[in-house]
């Protein structure tokens, strides 16, 4: 039973989350031959104030434009 726990900063739309679940599941099927019916994916959204990176809170950094990270 594959289980993925993905933690991201808050802000993803329902459509984006659905795409993540779909594509992660497809990857496990394609690469490992896993049964999609037995695949579990949990997306946890973390407040930007509760996430640090590079010695700073993410909330204090400028937002990253998708595709430019």
Protein backbone atom coordinates (compact mmCIF):
# COMPACT_ATOMS: atom_id res chain seq x y z
CA UNK A 1 0.00 0.00 0.00
CA UNK A 2 1.82 3.14 -1.14
CA UNK A 3 1.35 6.13 1.14
CA UNK A 4 2.58 9.63 0.26
CA UNK A 5 2.48 12.50 2.76
CA UNK A 6 3.05 15.78 0.91
CA UNK A 7 3.53 18.98 2.89
CA UNK A 8 3.17 22.30 1.08
CA UNK A 9 2.59 25.90 2.05
CA UNK A 10 -1.07 26.94 1.96
CA UNK A 11 -2.49 28.30 -1.25
CA UNK A 12 -2.96 25.40 -3.66
CA UNK A 13 -6.38 25.25 -5.29
CA UNK A 14 -8.59 22.16 -5.17
CA UNK A 15 -7.87 21.66 -8.88
CA UNK A 16 -4.10 21.75 -8.27
CA UNK A 17 -4.41 19.25 -5.42
CA UNK A 18 -6.49 16.94 -7.62
CA UNK A 19 -3.80 17.12 -10.30
CA UNK A 20 -1.08 16.31 -7.75
CA UNK A 21 -3.01 13.26 -6.51
CA UNK A 22 -3.66 12.08 -10.08
CA UNK A 23 -0.07 12.50 -11.27
CA UNK A 24 1.58 11.05 -8.14
CA UNK A 25 -0.71 8.03 -8.41
CA UNK A 26 0.08 7.63 -12.12
CA UNK A 27 3.81 7.76 -11.33
CA UNK A 28 3.53 4.98 -8.75
CA UNK A 29 1.57 2.86 -11.22
CA UNK A 30 4.02 3.50 -14.07
CA UNK A 31 7.30 3.22 -12.16
CA UNK A 32 6.50 0.62 -9.49
CA UNK A 33 3.46 -1.15 -10.94
CA UNK A 34 1.34 -0.23 -7.91
CA UNK A 35 -2.42 -0.63 -7.82
CA UNK A 36 -3.98 2.87 -7.89
CA UNK A 37 -6.87 1.64 -5.72
CA UNK A 38 -4.38 0.94 -2.92
CA UNK A 39 -2.52 4.24 -3.19
CA UNK A 40 -3.05 6.85 -0.48
CA UNK A 41 -1.94 10.47 -0.75
CA UNK A 42 -2.30 13.05 2.03
CA UNK A 43 -1.69 16.72 1.32
CA UNK A 44 -0.96 18.79 4.41
CA UNK A 45 -1.00 22.55 4.03
CA UNK A 46 1.33 24.46 6.32
CA UNK A 47 0.97 28.16 7.10
CA UNK A 48 3.81 30.20 5.58
CA UNK A 49 4.58 31.54 9.09
CA UNK A 50 5.22 27.96 10.24
CA UNK A 51 7.70 27.03 7.51
CA UNK A 52 11.37 27.97 7.45
CA UNK A 53 13.92 27.66 4.64
CA UNK A 54 17.45 28.95 4.27
CA UNK A 55 17.45 30.44 7.76
CA UNK A 56 14.29 32.51 7.20
CA UNK A 57 10.57 32.08 7.55
CA UNK A 58 9.00 31.46 4.18
CA UNK A 59 6.46 34.19 5.03
CA UNK A 60 9.32 36.73 5.03
CA UNK A 61 10.49 35.76 1.55
CA UNK A 62 9.07 37.07 -1.70
CA UNK A 63 6.56 34.67 -3.29
CA UNK A 64 8.04 32.38 -5.95
CA UNK A 65 6.48 32.54 -9.39
CA UNK A 66 5.61 29.02 -10.64
CA UNK A 67 8.26 27.77 -13.06
CA UNK A 68 10.89 30.20 -11.75
CA UNK A 69 11.99 28.34 -8.60
